[in-house]
């Protein structure tokens, strides 16, 4: 049994079986609670995610049947095949709508457990941002670890929070980042969760930013925001003749701090740079993050796709008493 046991079972359960995984070094603790028997409390999430006294991770992902969570009704109405729900929690214990790297790792976890055959078709995953569809694809040849499986996720609809006026102005928010000399204009992007993207002049500014402290965003987003700092790197032509844009990014995730990667943040960064570039900008972008590279593709119908690796690195049994949660 995994997670926090019910009071009746507390005396019988001494350990917690977990799996550790990451997508471009955005790392997670995964729990198998498919029958919904567990109470995944904030203190337990924080204890598991603690990098000194726990397993360590940017978040905790619980596998549970969609029918066993309140948000599952909407998920199953949208796609009855979305049997499995990705219950994602930030490292501070707060609940999050979605995680682009996390959903790829979740798909790899379901594959490991025998709950999804990637050669049998797409996987429909329930999330608090709606259904996400995942397929396994060949590695894109953008890293040294090309033997690691890649997963492509239809991340659903996206939008620029400020609408046409923000596109015309080029921004709809201002962000103060420790280490940067002045307040910067930024663009709000919704990819199922909120993001604020600001462009920097080059690598020196990207290196100078101190993301150990949360950037200050004005106006203050009602539910918080992830903040991406991006450096556009131009465009090139891929082997298939498709024009591909490139950006480099660092991110401060709400409820976590700076992470090595953020999947929804990579989507937001590419979409913001594409908006700034105007008509004729590429629909495919490679986004470089400290933990590797992911690919973002703008799809027909107002959707965006995220593709990248997912790695399961360890299984462990954690002593519940030692967690102190």
C-alpha atoms as a PDB file:
ATOM      1  CA  UNK A   1       0.000   0.000   0.000  1.00  0.00           C
ATOM      2  CA  UNK A   2       1.217   3.519  -0.783  1.00  0.00           C
ATOM      3  CA  UNK A   3       0.448   7.052   0.423  1.00  0.00           C
ATOM      4  CA  UNK A   4      -1.059   7.915   3.797  1.00  0.00           C
ATOM      5  CA  UNK A   5      -3.098   4.976   5.122  1.00  0.00           C
ATOM      6  CA  UNK A   6      -6.578   5.358   6.537  1.00  0.00           C
ATOM      7  CA  UNK A   7      -6.696   5.501  10.364  1.00  0.00           C
ATOM      8  CA  UNK A   8      -7.886   1.880  10.522  1.00  0.00           C
ATOM      9  CA  UNK A   9      -4.901   0.756   8.474  1.00  0.00           C
ATOM     10  CA  UNK A  10      -2.311   3.022  10.074  1.00  0.00           C
ATOM     11  CA  UNK A  11      -1.103   0.423  12.530  1.00  0.00           C
ATOM     12  CA  UNK A  12      -0.743  -2.226   9.816  1.00  0.00           C
ATOM     13  CA  UNK A  13       1.286  -0.144   7.341  1.00  0.00           C
ATOM     14  CA  UNK A  14       4.876   0.659   8.188  1.00  0.00           C
ATOM     15  CA  UNK A  15       6.260   1.618   4.776  1.00  0.00           C
ATOM     16  CA  UNK A  16       5.333   3.460   1.645  1.00  0.00           C
ATOM     17  CA  UNK A  17       6.300   2.154  -1.813  1.00  0.00           C
ATOM     18  CA  UNK A  18       7.272   4.946  -4.192  1.00  0.00           C
ATOM     19  CA  UNK A  19       8.889   5.388  -7.582  1.00  0.00           C
ATOM     20  CA  UNK A  20      11.223   8.269  -8.496  1.00  0.00           C
ATOM     21  CA  UNK A  21      11.104   9.674 -12.024  1.00  0.00           C
ATOM     22  CA  UNK A  22      11.980  12.773 -13.988  1.00  0.00           C
ATOM     23  CA  UNK A  23      11.363  14.553 -17.283  1.00  0.00           C
ATOM     24  CA  UNK A  24      14.397  16.653 -18.282  1.00  0.00           C
ATOM     25  CA  UNK A  25      15.353  16.582 -14.580  1.00  0.00           C
ATOM     26  CA  UNK A  26      12.024  17.966 -13.378  1.00  0.00           C
ATOM     27  CA  UNK A  27      11.643  15.205 -10.780  1.00  0.00           C
ATOM     28  CA  UNK A  28       8.716  13.575  -9.029  1.00  0.00           C
ATOM     29  CA  UNK A  29       7.767  11.013  -6.406  1.00  0.00           C
ATOM     30  CA  UNK A  30       5.086   8.684  -7.810  1.00  0.00           C
ATOM     31  CA  UNK A  31       2.528   6.764  -5.730  1.00  0.00           C
ATOM     32  CA  UNK A  32       0.223   3.956  -6.883  1.00  0.00           C
ATOM     33  CA  UNK A  33      -3.141   4.539  -5.205  1.00  0.00           C
ATOM     34  CA  UNK A  34      -5.355   3.388  -8.052  1.00  0.00           C
ATOM     35  CA  UNK A  35      -8.213   2.327  -5.734  1.00  0.00           C
ATOM     36  CA  UNK A  36      -8.272   5.641  -3.821  1.00  0.00           C
ATOM     37  CA  UNK A  37      -7.665   4.151  -0.378  1.00  0.00           C
ATOM     38  CA  UNK A  38      -5.184   6.814   0.710  1.00  0.00           C
ATOM     39  CA  UNK A  39      -5.277  10.317   2.135  1.00  0.00           C
ATOM     40  CA  UNK A  40      -2.500  12.231   0.398  1.00  0.00           C
ATOM     41  CA  UNK A  41      -2.036  14.998   2.962  1.00  0.00           C
ATOM     42  CA  UNK A  42      -0.015  18.189   2.577  1.00  0.00           C
ATOM     43  CA  UNK A  43       2.448  17.207   5.323  1.00  0.00           C
ATOM     44  CA  UNK A  44       3.094  13.856   3.642  1.00  0.00           C
ATOM     45  CA  UNK A  45       3.699  15.511   0.263  1.00  0.00           C
ATOM     46  CA  UNK A  46       6.152  17.965   1.819  1.00  0.00           C
ATOM     47  CA  UNK A  47       7.944  15.152   3.646  1.00  0.00           C
ATOM     48  CA  UNK A  48       8.276  13.016   0.525  1.00  0.00           C
ATOM     49  CA  UNK A  49       9.475  15.951  -1.598  1.00  0.00           C
ATOM     50  CA  UNK A  50      12.030  17.076   0.999  1.00  0.00           C
ATOM     51  CA  UNK A  51      15.479  16.700  -0.572  1.00  0.00           C
ATOM     52  CA  UNK A  52      17.257  16.198   2.757  1.00  0.00           C
ATOM     53  CA  UNK A  53      14.849  14.202   4.924  1.00  0.00           C
ATOM     54  CA  UNK A  54      12.645  12.589   2.286  1.00  0.00           C
ATOM     55  CA  UNK A  55      12.873  11.111  -1.196  1.00  0.00           C
ATOM     56  CA  UNK A  56      13.214  14.493  -2.874  1.00  0.00           C
ATOM     57  CA  UNK A  57      11.324  15.947  -5.808  1.00  0.00           C
ATOM     58  CA  UNK A  58       9.703  18.981  -7.383  1.00  0.00           C
ATOM     59  CA  UNK A  59       6.338  17.379  -6.758  1.00  0.00           C
ATOM     60  CA  UNK A  60       4.351  14.249  -5.923  1.00  0.00           C
ATOM     61  CA  UNK A  61       2.154  12.427  -8.446  1.00  0.00           C
ATOM     62  CA  UNK A  62      -0.545  10.039  -7.285  1.00  0.00           C
ATOM     63  CA  UNK A  63      -2.038   7.477  -9.666  1.00  0.00           C
ATOM     64  CA  UNK A  64      -5.738   7.082  -8.932  1.00  0.00           C
ATOM     65  CA  UNK A  65      -8.839   6.077 -10.895  1.00  0.00           C
ATOM     66  CA  UNK A  66     -10.639   9.128 -12.332  1.00  0.00           C
ATOM     67  CA  UNK A  67     -13.928   7.917 -10.884  1.00  0.00           C
ATOM     68  CA  UNK A  68     -12.497   8.292  -7.367  1.00  0.00           C
ATOM     69  CA  UNK A  69     -11.683  12.020  -7.452  1.00  0.00           C
ATOM     70  CA  UNK A  70     -14.142  14.951  -7.569  1.00  0.00           C
ATOM     71  CA  UNK A  71     -12.684  16.267 -10.840  1.00  0.00           C
ATOM     72  CA  UNK A  72     -13.053  12.839 -12.434  1.00  0.00           C
ATOM     73  CA  UNK A  73     -16.662  13.314 -13.556  1.00  0.00           C
ATOM     74  CA  UNK A  74     -15.685  16.062 -16.000  1.00  0.00           C
ATOM     75  CA  UNK A  75     -12.700  14.029 -17.172  1.00  0.00           C
ATOM     76  CA  UNK A  76     -14.779  10.929 -17.893  1.00  0.00           C
ATOM     77  CA  UNK A  77     -17.479  12.996 -19.598  1.00  0.00           C
ATOM     78  CA  UNK A  78     -14.832  14.390 -21.947  1.00  0.00           C
ATOM     79  CA  UNK A  79     -13.282  10.978 -22.639  1.00  0.00           C
ATOM     80  CA  UNK A  80     -14.607   7.801 -20.991  1.00  0.00           C
ATOM     81  CA  UNK A  81     -11.279   6.099 -21.743  1.00  0.00           C
ATOM     82  CA  UNK A  82      -9.489   8.477 -19.328  1.00  0.00           C
ATOM     83  CA  UNK A  83      -9.585   5.880 -16.567  1.00  0.00           C
ATOM     84  CA  UNK A  84      -6.435   7.082 -14.794  1.00  0.00           C
ATOM     85  CA  UNK A  85      -6.097  10.461 -13.090  1.00  0.00           C
ATOM     86  CA  UNK A  86      -2.807  12.255 -12.446  1.00  0.00           C
ATOM     87  CA  UNK A  87      -3.271  13.790  -8.989  1.00  0.00           C
ATOM     88  CA  UNK A  88      -0.383  16.265  -8.936  1.00  0.00           C
ATOM     89  CA  UNK A  89       0.880  18.156  -5.885  1.00  0.00           C
ATOM     90  CA  UNK A  90       3.638  20.771  -5.747  1.00  0.00           C
ATOM     91  CA  UNK A  91       6.521  20.200  -3.353  1.00  0.00           C
ATOM     92  CA  UNK A  92       4.926  22.551  -0.808  1.00  0.00           C
ATOM     93  CA  UNK A  93       1.830  20.324  -0.679  1.00  0.00           C
ATOM     94  CA  UNK A  94      -0.404  22.591  -2.758  1.00  0.00           C
ATOM     95  CA  UNK A  95      -2.598  21.121  -5.489  1.00  0.00           C
ATOM     96  CA  UNK A  96      -1.731  22.012  -9.101  1.00  0.00           C
ATOM     97  CA  UNK A  97      -3.809  21.818 -12.270  1.00  0.00           C
ATOM     98  CA  UNK A  98      -1.236  20.198 -14.543  1.00  0.00           C
ATOM     99  CA  UNK A  99       2.427  19.435 -15.114  1.00  0.00           C
ATOM    100  CA  UNK A 100       3.741  18.871 -18.624  1.00  0.00           C
ATOM    101  CA  UNK A 101       6.859  16.985 -17.601  1.00  0.00           C
ATOM    102  CA  UNK A 102       4.868  15.160 -14.951  1.00  0.00           C
ATOM    103  CA  UNK A 103       2.271  13.810 -17.372  1.00  0.00           C
ATOM    104  CA  UNK A 104       5.035  12.251 -19.504  1.00  0.00           C
ATOM    105  CA  UNK A 105       6.549  10.625 -16.415  1.00  0.00           C
ATOM    106  CA  UNK A 106       3.054   9.515 -15.392  1.00  0.00           C
ATOM    107  CA  UNK A 107       2.633   7.831 -18.790  1.00  0.00           C
ATOM    108  CA  UNK A 108       5.966   6.031 -18.362  1.00  0.00           C
ATOM    109  CA  UNK A 109       4.801   4.945 -14.882  1.00  0.00           C
ATOM    110  CA  UNK A 110       1.546   3.511 -16.254  1.00  0.00           C
ATOM    111  CA  UNK A 111       3.551   1.708 -18.925  1.00  0.00           C
ATOM    112  CA  UNK A 112       5.844   0.240 -16.236  1.00  0.00           C
ATOM    113  CA  UNK A 113       2.822  -0.930 -14.214  1.00  0.00           C
ATOM    114  CA  UNK A 114       1.256  -2.598 -17.250  1.00  0.00           C
ATOM    115  CA  UNK A 115      -1.714  -0.215 -17.249  1.00  0.00           C
ATOM    116  CA  UNK A 116      -0.963   1.210 -20.710  1.00  0.00           C
ATOM    117  CA  UNK A 117       0.433  -0.366 -23.857  1.00  0.00           C
ATOM    118  CA  UNK A 118       1.972   2.473 -25.887  1.00  0.00           C
ATOM    119  CA  UNK A 119       1.836   0.333 -29.035  1.00  0.00           C
ATOM    120  CA  UNK A 120      -1.922  -0.050 -28.648  1.00  0.00           C
ATOM    121  CA  UNK A 121      -2.807   3.612 -29.074  1.00  0.00           C
ATOM    122  CA  UNK A 122      -2.844   6.916 -27.226  1.00  0.00           C
ATOM    123  CA  UNK A 123      -3.240   7.196 -23.479  1.00  0.00           C
ATOM    124  CA  UNK A 124      -5.976   9.493 -22.143  1.00  0.00           C
ATOM    125  CA  UNK A 125      -4.878  10.994 -18.812  1.00  0.00           C
ATOM    126  CA  UNK A 126      -7.232  12.784 -16.459  1.00  0.00           C
ATOM    127  CA  UNK A 127      -5.901  15.998 -14.900  1.00  0.00           C
ATOM    128  CA  UNK A 128      -7.401  19.013 -13.154  1.00  0.00           C
ATOM    129  CA  UNK A 129      -6.873  20.927 -16.409  1.00  0.00           C
ATOM    130  CA  UNK A 130      -8.857  18.344 -18.385  1.00  0.00           C
ATOM    131  CA  UNK A 131      -7.919  15.275 -20.418  1.00  0.00           C
ATOM    132  CA  UNK A 132      -4.404  15.055 -21.862  1.00  0.00           C
ATOM    133  CA  UNK A 133      -3.581  12.563 -24.621  1.00  0.00           C
ATOM    134  CA  UNK A 134      -0.138  10.945 -24.667  1.00  0.00           C
ATOM    135  CA  UNK A 135       1.655   8.891 -27.300  1.00  0.00           C
ATOM    136  CA  UNK A 136       5.115   7.354 -27.287  1.00  0.00           C
ATOM    137  CA  UNK A 137       7.399   8.587 -30.073  1.00  0.00           C
ATOM    138  CA  UNK A 138      11.007   8.078 -31.202  1.00  0.00           C
ATOM    139  CA  UNK A 139      13.573  10.299 -29.505  1.00  0.00           C
ATOM    140  CA  UNK A 140      13.940  13.595 -31.352  1.00  0.00           C
ATOM    141  CA  UNK A 141      17.746  13.441 -31.531  1.00  0.00           C
ATOM    142  CA  UNK A 142      18.316  16.636 -29.558  1.00  0.00           C
ATOM    143  CA  UNK A 143      20.271  15.187 -26.624  1.00  0.00           C
ATOM    144  CA  UNK A 144      22.958  12.662 -25.835  1.00  0.00           C
ATOM    145  CA  UNK A 145      20.385  10.326 -24.268  1.00  0.00           C
ATOM    146  CA  UNK A 146      18.605   9.452 -27.502  1.00  0.00           C
ATOM    147  CA  UNK A 147      17.881   5.917 -26.286  1.00  0.00           C
ATOM    148  CA  UNK A 148      15.523   7.286 -23.610  1.00  0.00           C
ATOM    149  CA  UNK A 149      11.860   6.979 -24.654  1.00  0.00           C
ATOM    150  CA  UNK A 150      10.086  10.180 -25.636  1.00  0.00           C
ATOM    151  CA  UNK A 151       6.426  10.928 -25.060  1.00  0.00           C
ATOM    152  CA  UNK A 152       4.338  13.537 -26.867  1.00  0.00           C
ATOM    153  CA  UNK A 153       1.419  15.124 -25.029  1.00  0.00           C
ATOM    154  CA  UNK A 154      -1.460  17.085 -26.513  1.00  0.00           C
ATOM    155  CA  UNK A 155      -1.534  19.751 -23.813  1.00  0.00           C
ATOM    156  CA  UNK A 156      -4.955  21.001 -24.866  1.00  0.00           C
ATOM    157  CA  UNK A 157      -5.975  24.584 -25.618  1.00  0.00           C
ATOM    158  CA  UNK A 158      -3.777  27.536 -24.774  1.00  0.00           C
ATOM    159  CA  UNK A 159      -4.405  31.260 -24.676  1.00  0.00           C
ATOM    160  CA  UNK A 160      -2.660  34.556 -24.137  1.00  0.00           C
ATOM    161  CA  UNK A 161      -4.226  35.868 -20.949  1.00  0.00           C
ATOM    162  CA  UNK A 162      -4.316  39.486 -22.134  1.00  0.00           C
ATOM    163  CA  UNK A 163      -5.854  38.676 -25.514  1.00  0.00           C
ATOM    164  CA  UNK A 164      -5.337  40.813 -28.648  1.00  0.00           C
ATOM    165  CA  UNK A 165      -4.422  43.929 -26.661  1.00  0.00           C
ATOM    166  CA  UNK A 166      -1.552  42.111 -25.002  1.00  0.00           C
ATOM    167  CA  UNK A 167      -0.313  40.833 -28.373  1.00  0.00           C
ATOM    168  CA  UNK A 168      -0.407  44.358 -29.790  1.00  0.00           C
ATOM    169  CA  UNK A 169       1.400  45.845 -26.794  1.00  0.00           C
ATOM    170  CA  UNK A 170       3.752  42.880 -26.408  1.00  0.00           C
ATOM    171  CA  UNK A 171       3.036  42.543 -22.701  1.00  0.00           C
ATOM    172  CA  UNK A 172       0.294  42.537 -20.056  1.00  0.00           C
ATOM    173  CA  UNK A 173       2.338  42.336 -16.852  1.00  0.00           C
ATOM    174  CA  UNK A 174       5.549  43.558 -15.266  1.00  0.00           C
ATOM    175  CA  UNK A 175       8.023  41.379 -13.403  1.00  0.00           C
ATOM    176  CA  UNK A 176      10.790  42.236 -10.959  1.00  0.00           C
ATOM    177  CA  UNK A 177      13.498  39.557 -10.707  1.00  0.00           C
ATOM    178  CA  UNK A 178      16.295  39.668  -8.138  1.00  0.00           C
ATOM    179  CA  UNK A 179      19.578  40.090  -9.979  1.00  0.00           C
ATOM    180  CA  UNK A 180      18.120  42.013 -12.921  1.00  0.00           C
ATOM    181  CA  UNK A 181      18.470  45.778 -12.912  1.00  0.00           C
ATOM    182  CA  UNK A 182      14.953  46.848 -13.764  1.00  0.00           C
ATOM    183  CA  UNK A 183      11.348  45.704 -13.896  1.00  0.00           C
ATOM    184  CA  UNK A 184      10.622  43.865 -17.155  1.00  0.00           C
ATOM    185  CA  UNK A 185       7.487  43.658 -19.319  1.00  0.00           C
ATOM    186  CA  UNK A 186       6.061  40.159 -19.603  1.00  0.00           C
ATOM    187  CA  UNK A 187       3.305  38.218 -21.323  1.00  0.00           C
ATOM    188  CA  UNK A 188       0.745  36.009 -19.564  1.00  0.00           C
ATOM    189  CA  UNK A 189       0.087  32.583 -21.100  1.00  0.00           C
ATOM    190  CA  UNK A 190      -2.436  29.971 -19.969  1.00  0.00           C
ATOM    191  CA  UNK A 191      -1.541  26.342 -20.762  1.00  0.00           C
ATOM    192  CA  UNK A 192      -4.002  24.794 -18.344  1.00  0.00           C
ATOM    193  CA  UNK A 193      -2.084  26.581 -15.593  1.00  0.00           C
ATOM    194  CA  UNK A 194      -0.839  30.197 -15.441  1.00  0.00           C
ATOM    195  CA  UNK A 195       2.530  31.447 -16.728  1.00  0.00           C
ATOM    196  CA  UNK A 196       4.239  34.808 -17.058  1.00  0.00           C
ATOM    197  CA  UNK A 197       7.021  34.990 -19.656  1.00  0.00           C
ATOM    198  CA  UNK A 198       9.676  37.689 -19.964  1.00  0.00           C
ATOM    199  CA  UNK A 199      12.395  37.948 -22.593  1.00  0.00           C
ATOM    200  CA  UNK A 200      16.008  38.740 -21.741  1.00  0.00           C
ATOM    201  CA  UNK A 201      18.752  40.215 -23.887  1.00  0.00           C
ATOM    202  CA  UNK A 202      21.123  37.282 -23.637  1.00  0.00           C
ATOM    203  CA  UNK A 203      22.832  34.554 -21.637  1.00  0.00           C
ATOM    204  CA  UNK A 204      24.520  36.980 -19.233  1.00  0.00           C
ATOM    205  CA  UNK A 205      21.162  38.255 -17.985  1.00  0.00           C
ATOM    206  CA  UNK A 206      19.780  34.723 -17.798  1.00  0.00           C
ATOM    207  CA  UNK A 207      22.738  33.709 -15.633  1.00  0.00           C
ATOM    208  CA  UNK A 208      22.423  36.813 -13.429  1.00  0.00           C
ATOM    209  CA  UNK A 209      18.806  36.172 -12.438  1.00  0.00           C
ATOM    210  CA  UNK A 210      18.380  34.962  -8.850  1.00  0.00           C
ATOM    211  CA  UNK A 211      15.429  32.564  -8.800  1.00  0.00           C
ATOM    212  CA  UNK A 212      15.957  31.417  -5.233  1.00  0.00           C
ATOM    213  CA  UNK A 213      13.404  34.116  -4.473  1.00  0.00           C
ATOM    214  CA  UNK A 214      10.058  34.366  -6.228  1.00  0.00           C
ATOM    215  CA  UNK A 215       9.807  37.087  -8.898  1.00  0.00           C
ATOM    216  CA  UNK A 216       7.268  39.808  -8.158  1.00  0.00           C
ATOM    217  CA  UNK A 217       4.531  39.952 -10.801  1.00  0.00           C
ATOM    218  CA  UNK A 218       2.201  42.951 -11.258  1.00  0.00           C
ATOM    219  CA  UNK A 219      -0.740  42.718 -11.498  1.00  0.00           C
ATOM    220  CA  UNK A 220      -0.660  39.941  -8.927  1.00  0.00           C
ATOM    221  CA  UNK A 221      -2.199  36.782 -10.465  1.00  0.00           C
ATOM    222  CA  UNK A 222      -5.171  35.559  -8.379  1.00  0.00           C
ATOM    223  CA  UNK A 223      -3.887  31.973  -8.202  1.00  0.00           C
ATOM    224  CA  UNK A 224      -0.182  32.663  -8.475  1.00  0.00           C
ATOM    225  CA  UNK A 225       1.908  32.082 -11.587  1.00  0.00           C
ATOM    226  CA  UNK A 226       4.966  30.317 -12.899  1.00  0.00           C
ATOM    227  CA  UNK A 227       7.574  32.732 -14.244  1.00  0.00           C
ATOM    228  CA  UNK A 228       9.751  31.912 -17.259  1.00  0.00           C
ATOM    229  CA  UNK A 229      12.859  33.859 -18.245  1.00  0.00           C
ATOM    230  CA  UNK A 230      13.648  33.268 -21.928  1.00  0.00           C
ATOM    231  CA  UNK A 231      16.412  34.079 -24.381  1.00  0.00           C
ATOM    232  CA  UNK A 232      15.383  33.677 -28.052  1.00  0.00           C
ATOM    233  CA  UNK A 233      18.083  31.832 -30.032  1.00  0.00           C
ATOM    234  CA  UNK A 234      16.790  32.301 -33.577  1.00  0.00           C
ATOM    235  CA  UNK A 235      15.523  29.818 -36.121  1.00  0.00           C
ATOM    236  CA  UNK A 236      16.890  26.975 -38.212  1.00  0.00           C
ATOM    237  CA  UNK A 237      15.711  24.299 -40.611  1.00  0.00           C
ATOM    238  CA  UNK A 238      15.340  20.730 -39.392  1.00  0.00           C
ATOM    239  CA  UNK A 239      16.256  17.611 -41.393  1.00  0.00           C
ATOM    240  CA  UNK A 240      12.643  17.357 -42.565  1.00  0.00           C
ATOM    241  CA  UNK A 241      12.758  20.897 -43.964  1.00  0.00           C
ATOM    242  CA  UNK A 242      10.547  22.354 -41.218  1.00  0.00           C
ATOM    243  CA  UNK A 243      11.613  25.692 -39.770  1.00  0.00           C
ATOM    244  CA  UNK A 244      12.270  25.320 -36.044  1.00  0.00           C
ATOM    245  CA  UNK A 245      12.686  28.082 -33.480  1.00  0.00           C
ATOM    246  CA  UNK A 246      14.921  27.773 -30.423  1.00  0.00           C
ATOM    247  CA  UNK A 247      14.759  29.390 -27.003  1.00  0.00           C
ATOM    248  CA  UNK A 248      16.652  28.936 -23.750  1.00  0.00           C
ATOM    249  CA  UNK A 249      14.720  29.138 -20.489  1.00  0.00           C
ATOM    250  CA  UNK A 250      14.897  29.198 -16.723  1.00  0.00           C
ATOM    251  CA  UNK A 251      11.771  28.932 -14.587  1.00  0.00           C
ATOM    252  CA  UNK A 252      10.482  29.687 -11.115  1.00  0.00           C
ATOM    253  CA  UNK A 253       7.523  27.404 -10.377  1.00  0.00           C
ATOM    254  CA  UNK A 254       4.864  28.484  -7.904  1.00  0.00           C
ATOM    255  CA  UNK A 255       4.898  26.283  -4.844  1.00  0.00           C
ATOM    256  CA  UNK A 256       8.334  24.876  -5.695  1.00  0.00           C
ATOM    257  CA  UNK A 257      10.975  27.478  -6.613  1.00  0.00           C
ATOM    258  CA  UNK A 258      13.450  27.169  -9.468  1.00  0.00           C
ATOM    259  CA  UNK A 259      13.308  23.781 -11.176  1.00  0.00           C
ATOM    260  CA  UNK A 260      15.513  22.154 -13.792  1.00  0.00           C
ATOM    261  CA  UNK A 261      12.621  22.104 -16.236  1.00  0.00           C
ATOM    262  CA  UNK A 262       8.915  22.878 -16.551  1.00  0.00           C
ATOM    263  CA  UNK A 263       6.880  21.325 -19.342  1.00  0.00           C
ATOM    264  CA  UNK A 264       3.948  23.735 -19.324  1.00  0.00           C
ATOM    265  CA  UNK A 265       6.510  26.528 -18.864  1.00  0.00           C
ATOM    266  CA  UNK A 266       8.374  25.407 -21.991  1.00  0.00           C
ATOM    267  CA  UNK A 267       5.072  25.578 -23.895  1.00  0.00           C
ATOM    268  CA  UNK A 268       4.372  29.040 -22.502  1.00  0.00           C
ATOM    269  CA  UNK A 269       7.880  30.248 -23.368  1.00  0.00           C
ATOM    270  CA  UNK A 270       7.639  29.041 -26.967  1.00  0.00           C
ATOM    271  CA  UNK A 271       4.140  30.476 -27.404  1.00  0.00           C
ATOM    272  CA  UNK A 272       5.181  33.865 -26.019  1.00  0.00           C
ATOM    273  CA  UNK A 273       8.275  34.113 -28.240  1.00  0.00           C
ATOM    274  CA  UNK A 274       6.171  33.019 -31.212  1.00  0.00           C
ATOM    275  CA  UNK A 275       3.661  35.780 -30.432  1.00  0.00           C
ATOM    276  CA  UNK A 276       6.417  38.376 -30.174  1.00  0.00           C
ATOM    277  CA  UNK A 277       7.907  37.196 -33.499  1.00  0.00           C
ATOM    278  CA  UNK A 278       4.624  37.851 -35.316  1.00  0.00           C
ATOM    279  CA  UNK A 279       3.339  36.487 -38.606  1.00  0.00           C
ATOM    280  CA  UNK A 280       5.488  33.786 -40.174  1.00  0.00           C
ATOM    281  CA  UNK A 281       6.964  32.569 -36.872  1.00  0.00           C
ATOM    282  CA  UNK A 282       7.624  28.816 -36.660  1.00  0.00           C
ATOM    283  CA  UNK A 283       5.069  26.407 -35.262  1.00  0.00           C
ATOM    284  CA  UNK A 284       7.784  24.094 -33.871  1.00  0.00           C
ATOM    285  CA  UNK A 285      10.206  25.131 -31.117  1.00  0.00           C
ATOM    286  CA  UNK A 286      13.041  23.480 -29.251  1.00  0.00           C
ATOM    287  CA  UNK A 287      13.218  24.769 -25.696  1.00  0.00           C
ATOM    288  CA  UNK A 288      16.505  24.364 -23.842  1.00  0.00           C
ATOM    289  CA  UNK A 289      16.208  24.087 -20.060  1.00  0.00           C
ATOM    290  CA  UNK A 290      18.913  23.298 -17.498  1.00  0.00           C
ATOM    291  CA  UNK A 291      17.782  19.656 -17.481  1.00  0.00           C
ATOM    292  CA  UNK A 292      17.734  19.070 -21.244  1.00  0.00           C
ATOM    293  CA  UNK A 293      15.634  19.938 -24.299  1.00  0.00           C
ATOM    294  CA  UNK A 294      11.949  19.517 -25.101  1.00  0.00           C
ATOM    295  CA  UNK A 295       9.992  20.159 -28.281  1.00  0.00           C
ATOM    296  CA  UNK A 296       6.892  22.348 -28.440  1.00  0.00           C
ATOM    297  CA  UNK A 297       4.582  22.238 -31.476  1.00  0.00           C
ATOM    298  CA  UNK A 298       1.566  24.439 -32.159  1.00  0.00           C
ATOM    299  CA  UNK A 299      -1.283  22.179 -33.303  1.00  0.00           C
ATOM    300  CA  UNK A 300      -4.425  22.955 -35.318  1.00  0.00           C
ATOM    301  CA  UNK A 301      -7.498  23.857 -33.329  1.00  0.00           C
ATOM    302  CA  UNK A 302      -5.690  26.042 -30.805  1.00  0.00           C
ATOM    303  CA  UNK A 303      -3.848  23.181 -29.059  1.00  0.00           C
ATOM    304  CA  UNK A 304      -0.156  22.812 -28.246  1.00  0.00           C
ATOM    305  CA  UNK A 305       1.940  19.645 -28.012  1.00  0.00           C
ATOM    306  CA  UNK A 306       4.871  18.988 -25.691  1.00  0.00           C
ATOM    307  CA  UNK A 307       7.355  16.208 -26.461  1.00  0.00           C
ATOM    308  CA  UNK A 308      10.317  15.039 -24.439  1.00  0.00           C
ATOM    309  CA  UNK A 309      11.901  12.203 -22.486  1.00  0.00           C
ATOM    310  CA  UNK A 310      10.615  10.529 -19.337  1.00  0.00           C
ATOM    311  CA  UNK A 311      12.803   8.413 -17.064  1.00  0.00           C
ATOM    312  CA  UNK A 312      11.945   6.196 -14.083  1.00  0.00           C
ATOM    313  CA  UNK A 313      15.114   5.941 -12.014  1.00  0.00           C
ATOM    314  CA  UNK A 314      14.306   4.105  -8.769  1.00  0.00           C
ATOM    315  CA  UNK A 315      11.789   2.260  -6.625  1.00  0.00           C
ATOM    316  CA  UNK A 316      11.924   2.523  -2.840  1.00  0.00           C
ATOM    317  CA  UNK A 317      10.103   1.603   0.343  1.00  0.00           C
ATOM    318  CA  UNK A 318       9.996   4.607   2.653  1.00  0.00           C
ATOM    319  CA  UNK A 319       9.549   4.185   6.402  1.00  0.00           C
ATOM    320  CA  UNK A 320       6.475   6.231   7.337  1.00  0.00           C
ATOM    321  CA  UNK A 321       7.727   6.821  10.871  1.00  0.00           C
ATOM    322  CA  UNK A 322      10.986   8.229   9.542  1.00  0.00           C
ATOM    323  CA  UNK A 323       9.113  10.796   7.442  1.00  0.00           C
ATOM    324  CA  UNK A 324       7.528  12.294  10.534  1.00  0.00           C
ATOM    325  CA  UNK A 325       4.412  13.158   8.553  1.00  0.00           C
END
